[in-house]
Amino acid sequence: MDRIQVNWRNSVLYSEWSWHQLAPYIGKMKSSMAKGLVDQFTAPAETVYDPFCGAGTVALEAWVGGRHVIAGDLNPYAYVLSAGKLHPPRSVSEAIRQLDACWSEAAGAFQAVDLRRIPAWVRCFFHPETLREVLAVREVLMCHRQWFLLSCLLGILHHWRPAFLSYPASHTVPYLMVKKYPPNKYPQQYAYREVYPRLAAKVRRAFLRQPKVDRGFFRRVKLSDATIPNKAVNETRVSAVITSPPYMNSLSYARDNRLRLWFLGVTDARSLEPIISPRKVPFLAMMRSLLPKWSELLPKDGPCVLVLGAVKREGKYHNLPAEIVQIARDLRCGLHVTAVCRNVIPARRRTRGNCCSTREDTILVLRKGKQING
């Protein structure tokens, strides 16, 4: 049996690489957990495949740890974040030069932006002049595939602090805080916010704790369905699958990121929700389809490491790890359970209150060709 030894309890806010903090992402894996799993289940120069890459936490820790990386996700926000972290500028000075070039290109288009074409629910978050600047520079960054800089822009898109761009709003999930900060009492919170100095400051913060990385390692991120291995997977020998599948709609990856997704071209987050935050029946069907495909990718004794959540919704407890274990046994696809490690999540750390969210993390390890012990 595998014995899992990872640090997932202590805070990493002031110790992890700053690239992990380009922009918030609900339910993302703690970087110390990702590093522990990469270190324990793979060796340097091997290839890690994360088909549900989310914020790119596993992908970045794998690259920093000297592994090749293949990552994918169907969420455009996840794709941008992961691509930005795996293909960052070489230095803060290079990042600022790239930002200056993009800003110069966007500057001439500020006044040409027609805010009448922007949905009212988006306009209500920003001062009109701030929104014009954000839209213009967003367009240039996307055109030039500047994912790192675009991630930094998304990271300061909404908050109540002066360093951010919106009217007073929450950081992770976008909703205005008008009751807490009424305009008549806090007029400065609703004034024009100049984008360039805030974005440049964000870029500089992103390099406060910069890891040493070897850019010769293979790094590929795809906006792709995890059920269909992409070309990179077929061309590269995968050593391990390390991933955290979406938690059966316990987290709303589209709804809770709807403002950032809108700036990435997703005009209707509701239609994306069932795809990237599936409910129980499609979630389990997805896992039933995935396990045999992952088994085909892995070498003999290769690990498939899943970070899962035990969810309570509408008064009913769903033990996802147990259900996936049963699926693996029923399919007889060659993946056998070798470890199960649980960690209860304190209520204060949960994304949603009233226990209607993930209440514990479970690391489930399956290996190809190994027999079940116990």
Protein backbone atom coordinates (compact mmCIF):
# COMPACT_ATOMS: atom_id res chain seq x y z
CA MET A 1 0.00 0.00 0.00
CA ASP A 2 1.15 3.55 -0.74
CA ARG A 3 1.67 5.79 2.29
CA ILE A 4 0.81 9.39 1.51
CA GLN A 5 3.01 12.04 3.09
CA VAL A 6 2.04 15.56 2.08
CA ASN A 7 1.71 18.84 3.97
CA TRP A 8 -1.83 20.11 3.46
CA ARG A 9 -2.64 21.79 6.77
CA ASN A 10 -0.35 24.80 7.17
CA SER A 11 -0.94 28.08 5.34
CA VAL A 12 1.19 28.68 2.26
CA LEU A 13 0.05 32.26 1.59
CA TYR A 14 3.43 33.81 2.33
CA SER A 15 5.68 30.93 1.31
CA GLU A 16 4.43 29.52 -1.99
CA TRP A 17 5.67 30.78 -5.37
CA SER A 18 3.97 34.03 -6.28
CA TRP A 19 2.93 32.59 -9.64
CA HIS A 20 0.38 30.51 -7.73
CA GLN A 21 -1.31 33.79 -6.76
CA LEU A 22 -1.85 35.39 -10.17
CA ALA A 23 -5.63 35.26 -9.71
CA PRO A 24 -8.08 33.56 -7.33
CA TYR A 25 -9.69 30.25 -8.16
CA ILE A 26 -12.33 28.61 -5.98
CA GLY A 27 -11.52 25.17 -4.63
CA LYS A 28 -7.95 25.15 -5.91
CA MET A 29 -5.56 22.60 -4.48
CA LYS A 30 -3.09 23.84 -1.88
CA SER A 31 0.35 24.18 -3.49
CA SER A 32 2.04 22.26 -0.69
CA MET A 33 -0.28 19.32 -1.35
CA ALA A 34 0.44 19.47 -5.07
CA LYS A 35 4.20 19.55 -4.46
CA GLY A 36 3.99 16.62 -2.06
CA LEU A 37 2.05 14.51 -4.54
CA VAL A 38 4.38 15.35 -7.42
CA ASP A 39 7.47 14.58 -5.33
CA GLN A 40 6.08 11.33 -3.94
CA PHE A 41 4.54 9.81 -7.04
CA THR A 42 6.88 10.94 -9.83
CA ALA A 43 10.60 11.29 -10.42
CA PRO A 44 12.50 14.16 -12.08
CA ALA A 45 12.23 14.21 -15.89
CA GLU A 46 9.01 12.16 -15.85
CA THR A 47 5.75 13.50 -17.29
CA VAL A 48 2.78 14.55 -15.17
CA TYR A 49 -0.67 14.71 -16.77
CA ASP A 50 -3.37 16.83 -15.10
CA PRO A 51 -6.60 16.66 -17.17
CA PHE A 52 -8.53 18.91 -14.72
CA CYS A 53 -5.79 21.47 -14.22
CA GLY A 54 -7.94 24.27 -12.76
CA ALA A 55 -5.65 27.00 -11.47
CA GLY A 56 -2.56 25.11 -12.68
CA THR A 57 -1.31 24.28 -9.19
CA VAL A 58 -0.19 20.71 -9.94
CA ALA A 59 1.15 21.78 -13.33
CA LEU A 60 3.32 24.55 -11.89
CA GLU A 61 4.66 22.42 -9.03
CA ALA A 62 5.48 19.65 -11.50
CA TRP A 63 7.42 22.03 -13.75
CA VAL A 64 9.25 23.64 -10.81
CA GLY A 65 10.10 20.11 -9.63
CA GLY A 66 11.75 19.23 -12.93
CA ARG A 67 8.94 17.32 -14.62
CA HIS A 68 7.40 17.58 -18.06
CA VAL A 69 3.80 18.76 -17.88
CA ILE A 70 0.63 18.14 -19.84
CA ALA A 71 -2.49 19.89 -18.57
CA GLY A 72 -6.01 20.49 -19.77
CA ASP A 73 -9.34 21.93 -18.73
CA LEU A 74 -12.65 22.89 -20.37
CA ASN A 75 -12.86 26.09 -18.32
CA PRO A 76 -11.37 29.02 -20.31
CA TYR A 77 -10.41 30.76 -17.06
CA ALA A 78 -8.52 27.65 -15.91
CA TYR A 79 -6.81 27.44 -19.29
CA VAL A 80 -5.60 31.05 -19.17
CA LEU A 81 -4.32 30.74 -15.60
CA SER A 82 -2.50 27.47 -16.25
CA ALA A 83 -0.99 28.65 -19.54
CA GLY A 84 0.17 31.85 -17.86
CA LYS A 85 1.90 29.95 -15.06
CA LEU A 86 3.58 27.47 -17.40
CA HIS A 87 4.76 30.13 -19.89
CA PRO A 88 5.68 33.19 -17.81
CA PRO A 89 8.10 35.95 -18.80
CA ARG A 90 11.69 35.23 -17.80
CA SER A 91 11.93 38.17 -15.45
CA VAL A 92 9.94 41.03 -14.03
CA SER A 93 11.72 43.45 -16.37
CA GLU A 94 10.72 41.34 -19.37
CA ALA A 95 7.14 41.20 -18.10
CA ILE A 96 6.98 44.99 -17.75
CA ARG A 97 8.41 45.44 -21.26
CA GLN A 98 5.72 43.15 -22.64
CA LEU A 99 3.07 45.03 -20.68
CA ASP A 100 4.31 48.40 -21.94
CA ALA A 101 4.18 47.19 -25.54
CA CYS A 102 0.64 45.87 -25.13
CA TRP A 103 -0.47 48.99 -23.30
CA SER A 104 0.87 51.25 -26.05
CA GLU A 105 -1.05 49.22 -28.61
CA ALA A 106 -4.26 49.40 -26.58
CA ALA A 107 -4.06 53.08 -25.60
CA GLY A 108 -5.34 54.40 -28.91
CA ALA A 109 -8.52 52.35 -28.61
CA PHE A 110 -9.72 53.51 -25.18
CA GLN A 111 -12.22 56.10 -26.37
CA ALA A 112 -13.38 53.93 -29.25
CA VAL A 113 -14.79 51.32 -26.86
CA ASP A 114 -18.59 51.47 -27.06
CA LEU A 115 -19.89 50.72 -23.57
CA ARG A 116 -23.45 50.54 -24.86
CA ARG A 117 -22.57 47.11 -26.23
CA ILE A 118 -21.46 45.87 -22.82
CA PRO A 119 -24.06 44.10 -20.66
CA ALA A 120 -25.42 46.22 -17.83
CA TRP A 121 -24.44 43.63 -15.22
CA VAL A 122 -20.79 43.99 -16.31
CA ARG A 123 -20.89 47.80 -16.49
CA CYS A 124 -22.22 48.04 -12.93
CA PHE A 125 -18.89 46.80 -11.54
CA PHE A 126 -16.70 49.56 -13.02
CA HIS A 127 -16.24 53.25 -13.56
CA PRO A 128 -16.81 53.82 -17.32
CA GLU A 129 -13.25 55.03 -18.02
CA THR A 130 -11.74 52.16 -16.08
CA LEU A 131 -13.88 49.70 -18.02
CA ARG A 132 -12.79 51.19 -21.35
CA GLU A 133 -9.15 50.68 -20.43
CA VAL A 134 -9.74 47.14 -19.20
CA LEU A 135 -11.59 46.15 -22.37
CA ALA A 136 -8.99 47.64 -24.69
CA VAL A 137 -5.97 46.08 -23.01
CA ARG A 138 -7.83 42.77 -22.60
CA GLU A 139 -8.31 42.68 -26.36
CA VAL A 140 -4.61 43.19 -27.04
CA LEU A 141 -3.49 40.64 -24.44
CA MET A 142 -5.79 37.99 -25.89
CA CYS A 143 -4.73 38.79 -29.44
CA HIS A 144 -1.06 38.26 -28.55
CA ARG A 145 -1.79 35.27 -26.28
CA GLN A 146 -0.19 37.03 -23.33
CA TRP A 147 -1.69 34.62 -20.82
CA PHE A 148 0.55 35.60 -17.91
CA LEU A 149 -0.32 39.29 -18.21
CA LEU A 150 -3.97 38.48 -18.82
CA SER A 151 -3.98 36.36 -15.65
CA CYS A 152 -2.59 39.33 -13.73
CA LEU A 153 -5.37 41.54 -15.15
CA LEU A 154 -8.02 39.00 -14.13
CA GLY A 155 -6.40 38.82 -10.71
CA ILE A 156 -7.09 42.50 -10.00
CA LEU A 157 -10.43 42.66 -11.79
CA HIS A 158 -12.67 42.92 -8.73
CA HIS A 159 -12.16 43.59 -5.03
CA TRP A 160 -12.84 46.38 -2.54
CA ARG A 161 -9.18 47.38 -2.08
CA PRO A 162 -7.66 50.38 -3.91
CA ALA A 163 -5.18 48.19 -5.81
CA PHE A 164 -8.05 46.55 -7.70
CA LEU A 165 -10.16 47.83 -10.59
CA SER A 166 -13.82 47.45 -9.68
CA TYR A 167 -16.22 49.23 -7.41
CA PRO A 168 -16.28 47.55 -3.96
CA ALA A 169 -16.83 43.85 -4.60
CA SER A 170 -15.78 40.50 -3.24
CA HIS A 171 -12.57 39.02 -4.59
CA THR A 172 -13.24 35.37 -5.37
CA VAL A 173 -16.94 35.48 -6.30
CA PRO A 174 -18.18 38.68 -8.00
CA TYR A 175 -20.89 40.54 -6.18
CA LEU A 176 -21.03 44.25 -5.34
CA MET A 177 -20.74 45.38 -1.73
CA VAL A 178 -22.98 48.43 -1.99
CA LYS A 179 -24.57 47.93 1.41
CA LYS A 180 -21.20 47.84 3.13
CA TYR A 181 -19.79 50.68 1.01
CA PRO A 182 -22.71 52.95 0.02
CA PRO A 183 -21.63 55.48 -2.64
CA ASN A 184 -22.79 58.48 -0.64
CA LYS A 185 -20.49 57.53 2.26
CA TYR A 186 -17.56 56.14 0.26
CA PRO A 187 -17.45 58.19 -2.98
CA GLN A 188 -13.72 57.50 -3.44
CA GLN A 189 -14.53 53.80 -3.85
CA TYR A 190 -16.57 54.63 -6.97
CA ALA A 191 -14.07 56.95 -8.65
CA TYR A 192 -12.05 56.25 -11.78
CA ARG A 193 -9.28 53.69 -11.20
CA GLU A 194 -6.33 53.96 -13.54
CA VAL A 195 -5.53 50.52 -14.92
CA TYR A 196 -1.86 50.66 -15.94
CA PRO A 197 -0.22 51.41 -12.56
CA ARG A 198 -2.39 48.81 -10.84
CA LEU A 199 -1.64 46.18 -13.46
CA ALA A 200 2.09 46.96 -13.42
CA ALA A 201 2.12 46.67 -9.62
CA LYS A 202 0.34 43.32 -9.87
CA VAL A 203 2.92 42.06 -12.37
CA ARG A 204 5.74 43.08 -10.04
CA ARG A 205 4.06 41.29 -7.12
CA ALA A 206 3.88 38.16 -9.23
CA PHE A 207 7.68 37.98 -9.22
CA LEU A 208 8.22 38.46 -5.47
CA ARG A 209 8.90 34.74 -5.01
CA GLN A 210 9.95 33.48 -8.42
CA PRO A 211 11.00 29.83 -8.74
CA LYS A 212 14.03 28.66 -10.69
CA VAL A 213 12.69 26.70 -13.64
CA ASP A 214 14.14 24.87 -16.62
CA ARG A 215 12.33 26.13 -19.70
CA GLY A 216 13.59 23.16 -21.66
CA PHE A 217 10.96 20.92 -20.11
CA PHE A 218 7.87 20.13 -22.18
CA ARG A 219 4.84 22.17 -21.04
CA ARG A 220 1.52 21.92 -22.82
CA VAL A 221 -1.87 23.28 -21.78
CA LYS A 222 -4.99 22.52 -23.79
CA LEU A 223 -8.55 23.80 -23.60
CA SER A 224 -9.76 20.23 -23.92
CA ASP A 225 -12.12 17.54 -22.72
CA ALA A 226 -10.42 15.21 -20.24
CA THR A 227 -12.17 12.21 -21.77
CA ILE A 228 -10.22 12.60 -25.01
CA PRO A 229 -6.42 12.54 -24.62
CA ASN A 230 -4.98 15.31 -26.74
CA LYS A 231 -2.13 15.04 -29.21
CA ALA A 232 0.46 15.99 -26.61
CA VAL A 233 -0.59 13.05 -24.43
CA ASN A 234 -0.31 10.65 -27.35
CA GLU A 235 3.14 11.96 -28.27
CA THR A 236 4.56 11.99 -24.75
CA ARG A 237 4.89 9.05 -22.37
CA VAL A 238 2.80 9.87 -19.33
CA SER A 239 4.30 8.72 -16.03
CA ALA A 240 1.47 9.72 -13.70
CA VAL A 241 -1.99 11.23 -13.67
CA ILE A 242 -2.36 13.71 -10.80
CA THR A 243 -5.58 15.69 -10.83
CA SER A 244 -8.57 17.00 -8.91
CA PRO A 245 -11.86 16.39 -10.78
CA PRO A 246 -14.72 18.88 -10.34
CA TYR A 247 -16.65 18.15 -7.17
CA MET A 248 -20.04 17.17 -8.52
CA ASN A 249 -21.43 20.73 -8.61
CA SER A 250 -20.43 21.47 -5.00
CA LEU A 251 -18.40 24.34 -6.47
CA SER A 252 -19.82 26.46 -9.29
CA TYR A 253 -16.76 27.07 -11.43
CA ALA A 254 -18.69 29.03 -14.05
CA ARG A 255 -21.16 30.99 -11.95
CA ASP A 256 -18.58 31.97 -9.33
CA ASN A 257 -16.15 33.11 -12.04
CA ARG A 258 -18.78 34.66 -14.30
CA LEU A 259 -17.21 38.14 -14.48
CA ARG A 260 -13.73 36.90 -15.32
CA LEU A 261 -15.22 34.42 -17.80
CA TRP A 262 -17.13 37.24 -19.49
CA PHE A 263 -13.87 39.06 -20.11
CA LEU A 264 -12.57 35.86 -21.72
CA GLY A 265 -15.48 35.73 -24.14
CA VAL A 266 -17.92 33.49 -22.25
CA THR A 267 -21.11 35.54 -22.46
CA ASP A 268 -23.37 32.92 -20.85
CA ALA A 269 -21.71 31.24 -17.88
CA ARG A 270 -24.90 29.30 -17.15
CA SER A 271 -24.47 27.18 -20.27
CA LEU A 272 -20.90 26.33 -19.25
CA GLU A 273 -21.84 25.37 -15.68
CA PRO A 274 -23.13 21.81 -16.23
CA ILE A 275 -20.06 21.03 -18.31
CA ILE A 276 -17.37 22.13 -15.85
CA SER A 277 -19.40 21.61 -12.64
CA PRO A 278 -21.35 18.41 -13.37
CA ARG A 279 -23.93 16.96 -11.03
CA LYS A 280 -23.77 13.42 -9.68
CA VAL A 281 -25.02 11.34 -12.60
CA PRO A 282 -22.91 13.01 -15.33
CA PHE A 283 -19.94 13.24 -12.92
CA LEU A 284 -19.91 9.51 -12.27
CA ALA A 285 -20.51 8.80 -15.96
CA MET A 286 -17.51 11.00 -16.74
CA MET A 287 -15.33 9.09 -14.27
CA ARG A 288 -16.52 5.79 -15.71
CA SER A 289 -15.34 6.98 -19.12
CA LEU A 290 -12.06 8.43 -17.87
CA LEU A 291 -10.59 5.65 -15.77
CA PRO A 292 -10.02 3.20 -18.68
CA LYS A 293 -8.50 5.97 -20.80
CA TRP A 294 -6.11 6.97 -18.03
CA SER A 295 -5.20 3.34 -17.50
CA GLU A 296 -4.19 3.08 -21.16
CA LEU A 297 -1.89 6.08 -20.81
CA LEU A 298 -0.06 4.86 -17.73
CA PRO A 299 2.92 2.50 -17.62
CA LYS A 300 2.85 -0.62 -15.46
CA ASP A 301 2.60 0.42 -11.79
CA GLY A 302 1.95 4.01 -12.89
CA PRO A 303 -0.07 6.05 -10.37
CA CYS A 304 -3.39 7.76 -10.92
CA VAL A 305 -3.75 10.20 -8.02
CA LEU A 306 -7.15 11.82 -7.51
CA VAL A 307 -7.85 14.60 -5.02
CA LEU A 308 -11.57 14.34 -4.33
CA GLY A 309 -14.15 15.91 -2.11
CA ALA A 310 -16.75 14.36 0.17
CA VAL A 311 -19.83 16.49 -0.44
CA LYS A 312 -23.02 17.19 1.48
CA ARG A 313 -25.80 18.72 -0.59
CA GLU A 314 -29.49 19.07 0.21
CA GLY A 315 -29.00 17.10 3.40
CA LYS A 316 -27.45 14.09 1.66
CA TYR A 317 -23.84 12.96 2.04
CA HIS A 318 -22.04 11.87 -1.13
CA ASN A 319 -18.86 9.84 -0.69
CA LEU A 320 -17.24 10.37 -4.07
CA PRO A 321 -14.03 8.45 -3.31
CA ALA A 322 -16.00 5.32 -2.39
CA GLU A 323 -18.09 5.58 -5.54
CA ILE A 324 -15.01 5.97 -7.75
CA VAL A 325 -13.35 3.01 -6.06
CA GLN A 326 -16.42 0.93 -6.88
CA ILE A 327 -16.38 2.14 -10.49
CA ALA A 328 -12.72 1.11 -10.85
CA ARG A 329 -13.52 -2.34 -9.48
CA ASP A 330 -16.55 -2.77 -11.72
CA LEU A 331 -14.70 -1.71 -14.86
CA ARG A 332 -11.71 -4.01 -14.30
CA CYS A 333 -9.64 -1.50 -16.25
CA GLY A 334 -6.37 -2.34 -14.53
CA LEU A 335 -6.44 0.46 -11.96
CA HIS A 336 -6.43 -0.76 -8.38
CA VAL A 337 -6.69 1.22 -5.15
CA THR A 338 -3.45 1.39 -3.17
CA ALA A 339 -4.11 4.29 -0.79
CA VAL A 340 -6.90 6.44 0.62
CA CYS A 341 -6.01 9.45 2.77
CA ARG A 342 -8.63 11.83 4.19
CA ASN A 343 -8.35 15.35 5.59
CA VAL A 344 -11.30 17.12 7.22
CA ILE A 345 -11.69 20.74 6.09
CA PRO A 346 -12.58 23.20 8.87
CA ALA A 347 -15.82 25.12 8.28
CA ARG A 348 -13.92 28.43 8.12
CA ARG A 349 -12.01 27.24 5.05
CA ARG A 350 -15.04 26.12 3.05
CA THR A 351 -16.13 28.09 0.03
CA ARG A 352 -19.80 27.81 0.99
CA GLY A 353 -21.46 27.92 4.36
CA ASN A 354 -24.04 25.67 5.97
CA CYS A 355 -21.84 22.66 5.17
CA CYS A 356 -23.20 22.70 1.60
CA SER A 357 -19.74 22.20 0.18
CA THR A 358 -16.74 19.92 0.28
CA ARG A 359 -16.25 18.91 3.91
CA GLU A 360 -13.10 16.85 3.48
CA ASP A 361 -10.39 16.23 0.95
CA THR A 362 -9.52 12.67 0.04
CA ILE A 363 -6.42 11.62 -1.84
CA LEU A 364 -7.24 8.44 -3.71
CA VAL A 365 -4.31 6.57 -5.27
CA LEU A 366 -4.84 3.93 -7.94
CA ARG A 367 -2.03 2.11 -9.70
CA LYS A 368 -2.01 0.28 -12.97
CA GLY A 369 -1.56 -3.44 -12.58
CA LYS A 370 -1.27 -3.48 -8.80
CA GLN A 371 -3.54 -5.75 -6.83
CA ILE A 372 -5.75 -4.45 -4.05
CA ASN A 373 -4.32 -5.03 -0.58
CA GLY A 374 -6.89 -5.27 2.19
